[in-house]
Amino acid sequence: MSSLKTELKESIIEALHLEEFTVADIADDEALFGDGLGLDSIDALELIVLLDKDYGIKLTDPEKSKAIFQSINVLAAYIEEHRTK
């Protein structure tokens, strides 16, 4: 799963234009929103699109999305369990 975590970090950096970050800057258990990486609601929409495009996962419930986007660890585990691509 560590390759998936690295892939996710690279995808997040690219999709959200976080050029100031590298893969090494993002800890697997760091919060993606708020005090962690500092993402916001617009970024959440971009992540939902990324999950659909790259992994075939469609998220429609905002509360569920909030839980899934806690950290790279949580996101990677969800993708492993639900991916269709």
PDB file of N, CA and C in Angstrom:
ATOM      1  N   MET A   1       0.822  -1.199   0.000  1.00  0.00           N
ATOM      2  CA  MET A   1       0.000   0.000   0.000  1.00  0.00           C
ATOM      3  C   MET A   1       0.861   1.257   0.000  1.00  0.00           C
ATOM      4  N   SER A   2       2.137   1.144   0.363  1.00  0.00           N
ATOM      5  CA  SER A   2       2.969   2.348   0.406  1.00  0.00           C
ATOM      6  C   SER A   2       3.133   2.971  -0.981  1.00  0.00           C
ATOM      7  N   SER A   3       3.100   2.148  -2.036  1.00  0.00           N
ATOM      8  CA  SER A   3       3.169   2.728  -3.376  1.00  0.00           C
ATOM      9  C   SER A   3       1.886   3.503  -3.684  1.00  0.00           C
ATOM     10  N   LEU A   4       0.748   3.021  -3.183  1.00  0.00           N
ATOM     11  CA  LEU A   4      -0.508   3.751  -3.356  1.00  0.00           C
ATOM     12  C   LEU A   4      -0.449   5.074  -2.605  1.00  0.00           C
ATOM     13  N   LYS A   5       0.118   5.077  -1.418  1.00  0.00           N
ATOM     14  CA  LYS A   5       0.229   6.314  -0.635  1.00  0.00           C
ATOM     15  C   LYS A   5       1.107   7.329  -1.361  1.00  0.00           C
ATOM     16  N   THR A   6       2.208   6.868  -1.923  1.00  0.00           N
ATOM     17  CA  THR A   6       3.090   7.757  -2.686  1.00  0.00           C
ATOM     18  C   THR A   6       2.359   8.291  -3.912  1.00  0.00           C
ATOM     19  N   GLU A   7       1.649   7.408  -4.601  1.00  0.00           N
ATOM     20  CA  GLU A   7       0.868   7.808  -5.782  1.00  0.00           C
ATOM     21  C   GLU A   7      -0.180   8.855  -5.402  1.00  0.00           C
ATOM     22  N   LEU A   8      -0.852   8.644  -4.281  1.00  0.00           N
ATOM     23  CA  LEU A   8      -1.858   9.607  -3.811  1.00  0.00           C
ATOM     24  C   LEU A   8      -1.236  10.966  -3.524  1.00  0.00           C
ATOM     25  N   LYS A   9      -0.122  10.963  -2.843  1.00  0.00           N
ATOM     26  CA  LYS A   9       0.552  12.229  -2.518  1.00  0.00           C
ATOM     27  C   LYS A   9       0.934  12.966  -3.792  1.00  0.00           C
ATOM     28  N   GLU A  10       1.485  12.240  -4.763  1.00  0.00           N
ATOM     29  CA  GLU A  10       1.862  12.857  -6.038  1.00  0.00           C
ATOM     30  C   GLU A  10       0.635  13.417  -6.751  1.00  0.00           C
ATOM     31  N   SER A  11      -0.455  12.652  -6.748  1.00  0.00           N
ATOM     32  CA  SER A  11      -1.691  13.093  -7.407  1.00  0.00           C
ATOM     33  C   SER A  11      -2.279  14.324  -6.734  1.00  0.00           C
ATOM     34  N   ILE A  12      -2.259  14.350  -5.398  1.00  0.00           N
ATOM     35  CA  ILE A  12      -2.787  15.491  -4.653  1.00  0.00           C
ATOM     36  C   ILE A  12      -1.959  16.738  -4.935  1.00  0.00           C
ATOM     37  N   ILE A  13      -0.650  16.595  -4.920  1.00  0.00           N
ATOM     38  CA  ILE A  13       0.241  17.730  -5.195  1.00  0.00           C
ATOM     39  C   ILE A  13      -0.035  18.284  -6.597  1.00  0.00           C
ATOM     40  N   GLU A  14      -0.171  17.379  -7.562  1.00  0.00           N
ATOM     41  CA  GLU A  14      -0.402  17.813  -8.948  1.00  0.00           C
ATOM     42  C   GLU A  14      -1.802  18.395  -9.129  1.00  0.00           C
ATOM     43  N   ALA A  15      -2.828  17.693  -8.666  1.00  0.00           N
ATOM     44  CA  ALA A  15      -4.213  18.124  -8.884  1.00  0.00           C
ATOM     45  C   ALA A  15      -4.533  19.438  -8.178  1.00  0.00           C
ATOM     46  N   LEU A  16      -3.939  19.655  -7.008  1.00  0.00           N
ATOM     47  CA  LEU A  16      -4.252  20.842  -6.225  1.00  0.00           C
ATOM     48  C   LEU A  16      -3.199  21.937  -6.377  1.00  0.00           C
ATOM     49  N   HIS A  17      -2.255  21.705  -7.288  1.00  0.00           N
ATOM     50  CA  HIS A  17      -1.203  22.690  -7.575  1.00  0.00           C
ATOM     51  C   HIS A  17      -0.449  23.104  -6.295  1.00  0.00           C
ATOM     52  N   LEU A  18      -0.027  22.114  -5.539  1.00  0.00           N
ATOM     53  CA  LEU A  18       0.702  22.358  -4.283  1.00  0.00           C
ATOM     54  C   LEU A  18       2.201  22.248  -4.541  1.00  0.00           C
ATOM     55  N   GLU A  19       2.698  23.075  -5.456  1.00  0.00           N
ATOM     56  CA  GLU A  19       4.091  22.996  -5.870  1.00  0.00           C
ATOM     57  C   GLU A  19       5.075  23.195  -4.722  1.00  0.00           C
ATOM     58  N   GLU A  20       4.622  23.836  -3.639  1.00  0.00           N
ATOM     59  CA  GLU A  20       5.521  24.074  -2.508  1.00  0.00           C
ATOM     60  C   GLU A  20       5.746  22.813  -1.675  1.00  0.00           C
ATOM     61  N   PHE A  21       4.988  21.744  -1.967  1.00  0.00           N
ATOM     62  CA  PHE A  21       5.112  20.492  -1.223  1.00  0.00           C
ATOM     63  C   PHE A  21       5.788  19.425  -2.070  1.00  0.00           C
ATOM     64  N   THR A  22       6.464  18.508  -1.381  1.00  0.00           N
ATOM     65  CA  THR A  22       6.966  17.294  -2.014  1.00  0.00           C
ATOM     66  C   THR A  22       6.280  16.120  -1.335  1.00  0.00           C
ATOM     67  N   VAL A  23       6.419  14.945  -1.915  1.00  0.00           N
ATOM     68  CA  VAL A  23       5.842  13.739  -1.320  1.00  0.00           C
ATOM     69  C   VAL A  23       6.340  13.569   0.109  1.00  0.00           C
ATOM     70  N   ALA A  24       7.603  13.848   0.332  1.00  0.00           N
ATOM     71  CA  ALA A  24       8.194  13.694   1.661  1.00  0.00           C
ATOM     72  C   ALA A  24       7.617  14.669   2.687  1.00  0.00           C
ATOM     73  N   ASP A  25       7.053  15.778   2.227  1.00  0.00           N
ATOM     74  CA  ASP A  25       6.477  16.782   3.128  1.00  0.00           C
ATOM     75  C   ASP A  25       5.142  16.353   3.722  1.00  0.00           C
ATOM     76  N   ILE A  26       4.511  15.367   3.115  1.00  0.00           N
ATOM     77  CA  ILE A  26       3.171  14.955   3.549  1.00  0.00           C
ATOM     78  C   ILE A  26       3.275  13.642   4.316  1.00  0.00           C
ATOM     79  N   ALA A  27       3.031  13.706   5.613  1.00  0.00           N
ATOM     80  CA  ALA A  27       3.074  12.500   6.450  1.00  0.00           C
ATOM     81  C   ALA A  27       1.813  11.676   6.203  1.00  0.00           C
ATOM     82  N   ASP A  28       1.946  10.363   6.276  1.00  0.00           N
ATOM     83  CA  ASP A  28       0.824   9.469   6.013  1.00  0.00           C
ATOM     84  C   ASP A  28      -0.342   9.708   6.968  1.00  0.00           C
ATOM     85  N   ASP A  29      -0.046  10.108   8.199  1.00  0.00           N
ATOM     86  CA  ASP A  29      -1.100  10.293   9.194  1.00  0.00           C
ATOM     87  C   ASP A  29      -1.442  11.765   9.435  1.00  0.00           C
ATOM     88  N   GLU A  30      -0.884  12.656   8.636  1.00  0.00           N
ATOM     89  CA  GLU A  30      -1.155  14.091   8.777  1.00  0.00           C
ATOM     90  C   GLU A  30      -2.562  14.419   8.276  1.00  0.00           C
ATOM     91  N   ALA A  31      -3.254  15.298   8.991  1.00  0.00           N
ATOM     92  CA  ALA A  31      -4.580  15.741   8.560  1.00  0.00           C
ATOM     93  C   ALA A  31      -4.460  16.465   7.224  1.00  0.00           C
ATOM     94  N   LEU A  32      -5.367  16.158   6.319  1.00  0.00           N
ATOM     95  CA  LEU A  32      -5.335  16.810   5.014  1.00  0.00           C
ATOM     96  C   LEU A  32      -5.987  18.186   5.056  1.00  0.00           C
ATOM     97  N   PHE A  33      -6.966  18.353   5.952  1.00  0.00           N
ATOM     98  CA  PHE A  33      -7.690  19.619   6.062  1.00  0.00           C
ATOM     99  C   PHE A  33      -7.374  20.285   7.393  1.00  0.00           C
ATOM    100  N   GLY A  34      -7.677  21.575   7.485  1.00  0.00           N
ATOM    101  CA  GLY A  34      -7.458  22.302   8.736  1.00  0.00           C
ATOM    102  C   GLY A  34      -5.989  22.526   9.021  1.00  0.00           C
ATOM    103  N   ASP A  35      -5.582  22.212  10.235  1.00  0.00           N
ATOM    104  CA  ASP A  35      -4.210  22.496  10.670  1.00  0.00           C
ATOM    105  C   ASP A  35      -3.156  21.612  10.011  1.00  0.00           C
ATOM    106  N   GLY A  36      -3.554  20.526   9.386  1.00  0.00           N
ATOM    107  CA  GLY A  36      -2.595  19.647   8.737  1.00  0.00           C
ATOM    108  C   GLY A  36      -2.068  20.255   7.452  1.00  0.00           C
ATOM    109  N   LEU A  37      -2.456  19.664   6.342  1.00  0.00           N
ATOM    110  CA  LEU A  37      -2.009  20.138   5.026  1.00  0.00           C
ATOM    111  C   LEU A  37      -2.682  21.454   4.650  1.00  0.00           C
ATOM    112  N   GLY A  38      -3.798  21.750   5.283  1.00  0.00           N
ATOM    113  CA  GLY A  38      -4.460  23.036   5.064  1.00  0.00           C
ATOM    114  C   GLY A  38      -5.398  23.094   3.875  1.00  0.00           C
ATOM    115  N   LEU A  39      -5.901  21.942   3.434  1.00  0.00           N
ATOM    116  CA  LEU A  39      -6.819  21.942   2.301  1.00  0.00           C
ATOM    117  C   LEU A  39      -8.162  22.531   2.715  1.00  0.00           C
ATOM    118  N   ASP A  40      -8.951  22.969   1.700  1.00  0.00           N
ATOM    119  CA  ASP A  40     -10.258  23.564   1.986  1.00  0.00           C
ATOM    120  C   ASP A  40     -11.344  22.849   1.179  1.00  0.00           C
ATOM    121  N   SER A  41     -12.561  23.370   1.209  1.00  0.00           N
ATOM    122  CA  SER A  41     -13.699  22.700   0.572  1.00  0.00           C
ATOM    123  C   SER A  41     -13.553  22.602  -0.947  1.00  0.00           C
ATOM    124  N   ILE A  42     -12.938  23.576  -1.564  1.00  0.00           N
ATOM    125  CA  ILE A  42     -12.692  23.512  -3.012  1.00  0.00           C
ATOM    126  C   ILE A  42     -11.730  22.362  -3.314  1.00  0.00           C
ATOM    127  N   ASP A  43     -10.718  22.199  -2.464  1.00  0.00           N
ATOM    128  CA  ASP A  43      -9.779  21.084  -2.627  1.00  0.00           C
ATOM    129  C   ASP A  43     -10.499  19.746  -2.480  1.00  0.00           C
ATOM    130  N   ALA A  44     -11.478  19.687  -1.577  1.00  0.00           N
ATOM    131  CA  ALA A  44     -12.243  18.455  -1.383  1.00  0.00           C
ATOM    132  C   ALA A  44     -12.957  18.063  -2.679  1.00  0.00           C
ATOM    133  N   LEU A  45     -13.518  19.047  -3.368  1.00  0.00           N
ATOM    134  CA  LEU A  45     -14.172  18.764  -4.645  1.00  0.00           C
ATOM    135  C   LEU A  45     -13.180  18.208  -5.659  1.00  0.00           C
ATOM    136  N   GLU A  46     -11.993  18.775  -5.679  1.00  0.00           N
ATOM    137  CA  GLU A  46     -10.943  18.279  -6.586  1.00  0.00           C
ATOM    138  C   GLU A  46     -10.560  16.841  -6.236  1.00  0.00           C
ATOM    139  N   LEU A  47     -10.491  16.524  -4.946  1.00  0.00           N
ATOM    140  CA  LEU A  47     -10.161  15.167  -4.526  1.00  0.00           C
ATOM    141  C   LEU A  47     -11.265  14.184  -4.919  1.00  0.00           C
ATOM    142  N   ILE A  48     -12.515  14.616  -4.839  1.00  0.00           N
ATOM    143  CA  ILE A  48     -13.630  13.757  -5.249  1.00  0.00           C
ATOM    144  C   ILE A  48     -13.519  13.436  -6.736  1.00  0.00           C
ATOM    145  N   VAL A  49     -13.186  14.430  -7.542  1.00  0.00           N
ATOM    146  CA  VAL A  49     -12.993  14.219  -8.984  1.00  0.00           C
ATOM    147  C   VAL A  49     -11.812  13.276  -9.223  1.00  0.00           C
ATOM    148  N   LEU A  50     -10.730  13.466  -8.485  1.00  0.00           N
ATOM    149  CA  LEU A  50      -9.542  12.618  -8.618  1.00  0.00           C
ATOM    150  C   LEU A  50      -9.876  11.160  -8.302  1.00  0.00           C
ATOM    151  N   LEU A  51     -10.635  10.920  -7.247  1.00  0.00           N
ATOM    152  CA  LEU A  51     -11.009   9.548  -6.888  1.00  0.00           C
ATOM    153  C   LEU A  51     -11.848   8.902  -7.976  1.00  0.00           C
ATOM    154  N   ASP A  52     -12.752   9.659  -8.551  1.00  0.00           N
ATOM    155  CA  ASP A  52     -13.591   9.125  -9.617  1.00  0.00           C
ATOM    156  C   ASP A  52     -12.754   8.817 -10.852  1.00  0.00           C
ATOM    157  N   LYS A  53     -11.934   9.758 -11.258  1.00  0.00           N
ATOM    158  CA  LYS A  53     -11.139   9.621 -12.481  1.00  0.00           C
ATOM    159  C   LYS A  53     -10.078   8.525 -12.360  1.00  0.00           C
ATOM    160  N   ASP A  54      -9.342   8.519 -11.265  1.00  0.00           N
ATOM    161  CA  ASP A  54      -8.197   7.611 -11.145  1.00  0.00           C
ATOM    162  C   ASP A  54      -8.536   6.232 -10.575  1.00  0.00           C
ATOM    163  N   TYR A  55      -9.589   6.163  -9.746  1.00  0.00           N
ATOM    164  CA  TYR A  55      -9.856   4.904  -9.039  1.00  0.00           C
ATOM    165  C   TYR A  55     -11.282   4.389  -9.222  1.00  0.00           C
ATOM    166  N   GLY A  56     -12.118   5.122  -9.957  1.00  0.00           N
ATOM    167  CA  GLY A  56     -13.480   4.683 -10.194  1.00  0.00           C
ATOM    168  C   GLY A  56     -14.370   4.749  -8.964  1.00  0.00           C
ATOM    169  N   ILE A  57     -14.011   5.595  -8.017  1.00  0.00           N
ATOM    170  CA  ILE A  57     -14.781   5.727  -6.778  1.00  0.00           C
ATOM    171  C   ILE A  57     -15.620   6.987  -6.857  1.00  0.00           C
ATOM    172  N   LYS A  58     -16.937   6.812  -6.721  1.00  0.00           N
ATOM    173  CA  LYS A  58     -17.853   7.954  -6.755  1.00  0.00           C
ATOM    174  C   LYS A  58     -18.314   8.263  -5.336  1.00  0.00           C
ATOM    175  N   LEU A  59     -18.006   9.461  -4.872  1.00  0.00           N
ATOM    176  CA  LEU A  59     -18.437   9.901  -3.544  1.00  0.00           C
ATOM    177  C   LEU A  59     -19.547  10.929  -3.715  1.00  0.00           C
ATOM    178  N   THR A  60     -20.678  10.695  -3.070  1.00  0.00           N
ATOM    179  CA  THR A  60     -21.792  11.631  -3.171  1.00  0.00           C
ATOM    180  C   THR A  60     -22.213  12.174  -1.808  1.00  0.00           C
ATOM    181  N   ASP A  61     -21.787  11.524  -0.746  1.00  0.00           N
ATOM    182  CA  ASP A  61     -22.165  11.930   0.603  1.00  0.00           C
ATOM    183  C   ASP A  61     -21.058  12.784   1.215  1.00  0.00           C
ATOM    184  N   PRO A  62     -21.313  14.083   1.432  1.00  0.00           N
ATOM    185  CA  PRO A  62     -20.275  14.966   1.975  1.00  0.00           C
ATOM    186  C   PRO A  62     -19.732  14.515   3.337  1.00  0.00           C
ATOM    187  N   GLU A  63     -20.578  13.955   4.180  1.00  0.00           N
ATOM    188  CA  GLU A  63     -20.116  13.488   5.494  1.00  0.00           C
ATOM    189  C   GLU A  63     -19.165  12.309   5.350  1.00  0.00           C
ATOM    190  N   LYS A  64     -19.464  11.427   4.424  1.00  0.00           N
ATOM    191  CA  LYS A  64     -18.591  10.279   4.168  1.00  0.00           C
ATOM    192  C   LYS A  64     -17.252  10.756   3.604  1.00  0.00           C
ATOM    193  N   SER A  65     -17.324  11.741   2.710  1.00  0.00           N
ATOM    194  CA  SER A  65     -16.104  12.302   2.130  1.00  0.00           C
ATOM    195  C   SER A  65     -15.211  12.881   3.216  1.00  0.00           C
ATOM    196  N   LYS A  66     -15.822  13.583   4.160  1.00  0.00           N
ATOM    197  CA  LYS A  66     -15.064  14.189   5.255  1.00  0.00           C
ATOM    198  C   LYS A  66     -14.295  13.128   6.042  1.00  0.00           C
ATOM    199  N   ALA A  67     -14.926  11.990   6.289  1.00  0.00           N
ATOM    200  CA  ALA A  67     -14.272  10.904   7.019  1.00  0.00           C
ATOM    201  C   ALA A  67     -13.145  10.274   6.200  1.00  0.00           C
ATOM    202  N   ILE A  68     -13.366  10.117   4.914  1.00  0.00           N
ATOM    203  CA  ILE A  68     -12.383   9.472   4.035  1.00  0.00           C
ATOM    204  C   ILE A  68     -11.139  10.341   3.855  1.00  0.00           C
ATOM    205  N   PHE A  69     -11.319  11.652   3.858  1.00  0.00           N
ATOM    206  CA  PHE A  69     -10.213  12.570   3.610  1.00  0.00           C
ATOM    207  C   PHE A  69      -9.478  12.998   4.881  1.00  0.00           C
ATOM    208  N   GLN A  70      -9.518  12.199   5.924  1.00  0.00           N
ATOM    209  CA  GLN A  70      -8.820  12.533   7.172  1.00  0.00           C
ATOM    210  C   GLN A  70      -7.311  12.588   6.983  1.00  0.00           C
ATOM    211  N   SER A  71      -6.770  11.585   6.293  1.00  0.00           N
ATOM    212  CA  SER A  71      -5.316  11.493   6.110  1.00  0.00           C
ATOM    213  C   SER A  71      -5.032  10.595   4.911  1.00  0.00           C
ATOM    214  N   ILE A  72      -3.783  10.551   4.519  1.00  0.00           N
ATOM    215  CA  ILE A  72      -3.363   9.651   3.434  1.00  0.00           C
ATOM    216  C   ILE A  72      -3.628   8.206   3.830  1.00  0.00           C
ATOM    217  N   ASN A  73      -3.357   7.840   5.083  1.00  0.00           N
ATOM    218  CA  ASN A  73      -3.599   6.472   5.549  1.00  0.00           C
ATOM    219  C   ASN A  73      -5.057   6.069   5.363  1.00  0.00           C
ATOM    220  N   VAL A  74      -5.976   6.912   5.806  1.00  0.00           N
ATOM    221  CA  VAL A  74      -7.403   6.614   5.716  1.00  0.00           C
ATOM    222  C   VAL A  74      -7.844   6.574   4.259  1.00  0.00           C
ATOM    223  N   LEU A  75      -7.392   7.519   3.483  1.00  0.00           N
ATOM    224  CA  LEU A  75      -7.750   7.592   2.067  1.00  0.00           C
ATOM    225  C   LEU A  75      -7.245   6.364   1.311  1.00  0.00           C
ATOM    226  N   ALA A  76      -6.012   5.968   1.539  1.00  0.00           N
ATOM    227  CA  ALA A  76      -5.437   4.803   0.857  1.00  0.00           C
ATOM    228  C   ALA A  76      -6.191   3.526   1.235  1.00  0.00           C
ATOM    229  N   ALA A  77      -6.540   3.374   2.502  1.00  0.00           N
ATOM    230  CA  ALA A  77      -7.286   2.194   2.939  1.00  0.00           C
ATOM    231  C   ALA A  77      -8.655   2.146   2.262  1.00  0.00           C
ATOM    232  N   TYR A  78      -9.310   3.295   2.151  1.00  0.00           N
ATOM    233  CA  TYR A  78     -10.613   3.354   1.490  1.00  0.00           C
ATOM    234  C   TYR A  78     -10.482   2.984   0.015  1.00  0.00           C
ATOM    235  N   ILE A  79      -9.469   3.503  -0.637  1.00  0.00           N
ATOM    236  CA  ILE A  79      -9.257   3.196  -2.063  1.00  0.00           C
ATOM    237  C   ILE A  79      -8.991   1.712  -2.253  1.00  0.00           C
ATOM    238  N   GLU A  80      -8.149   1.130  -1.420  1.00  0.00           N
ATOM    239  CA  GLU A  80      -7.847  -0.305  -1.522  1.00  0.00           C
ATOM    240  C   GLU A  80      -9.122  -1.145  -1.442  1.00  0.00           C
ATOM    241  N   GLU A  81     -10.040  -0.726  -0.609  1.00  0.00           N
ATOM    242  CA  GLU A  81     -11.268  -1.485  -0.386  1.00  0.00           C
ATOM    243  C   GLU A  81     -12.328  -1.254  -1.453  1.00  0.00           C
ATOM    244  N   HIS A  82     -12.354  -0.048  -2.059  1.00  0.00           N
ATOM    245  CA  HIS A  82     -13.464   0.321  -2.938  1.00  0.00           C
ATOM    246  C   HIS A  82     -13.114   0.597  -4.395  1.00  0.00           C
ATOM    247  N   ARG A  83     -11.866   0.531  -4.770  1.00  0.00           N
ATOM    248  CA  ARG A  83     -11.496   0.930  -6.131  1.00  0.00           C
ATOM    249  C   ARG A  83     -12.074  -0.017  -7.164  1.00  0.00           C
ATOM    250  N   THR A  84     -12.411   0.544  -8.316  1.00  0.00           N
ATOM    251  CA  THR A  84     -12.891  -0.255  -9.443  1.00  0.00           C
ATOM    252  C   THR A  84     -11.921  -0.179 -10.629  1.00  0.00           C
ATOM    253  N   LYS A  85     -10.903   0.661 -10.496  1.00  0.00           N
ATOM    254  CA  LYS A  85      -9.883   0.793 -11.564  1.00  0.00           C
ATOM    255  C   LYS A  85      -8.536   0.389 -11.013  1.00  0.00           C
TER     256      LYS A  85
END
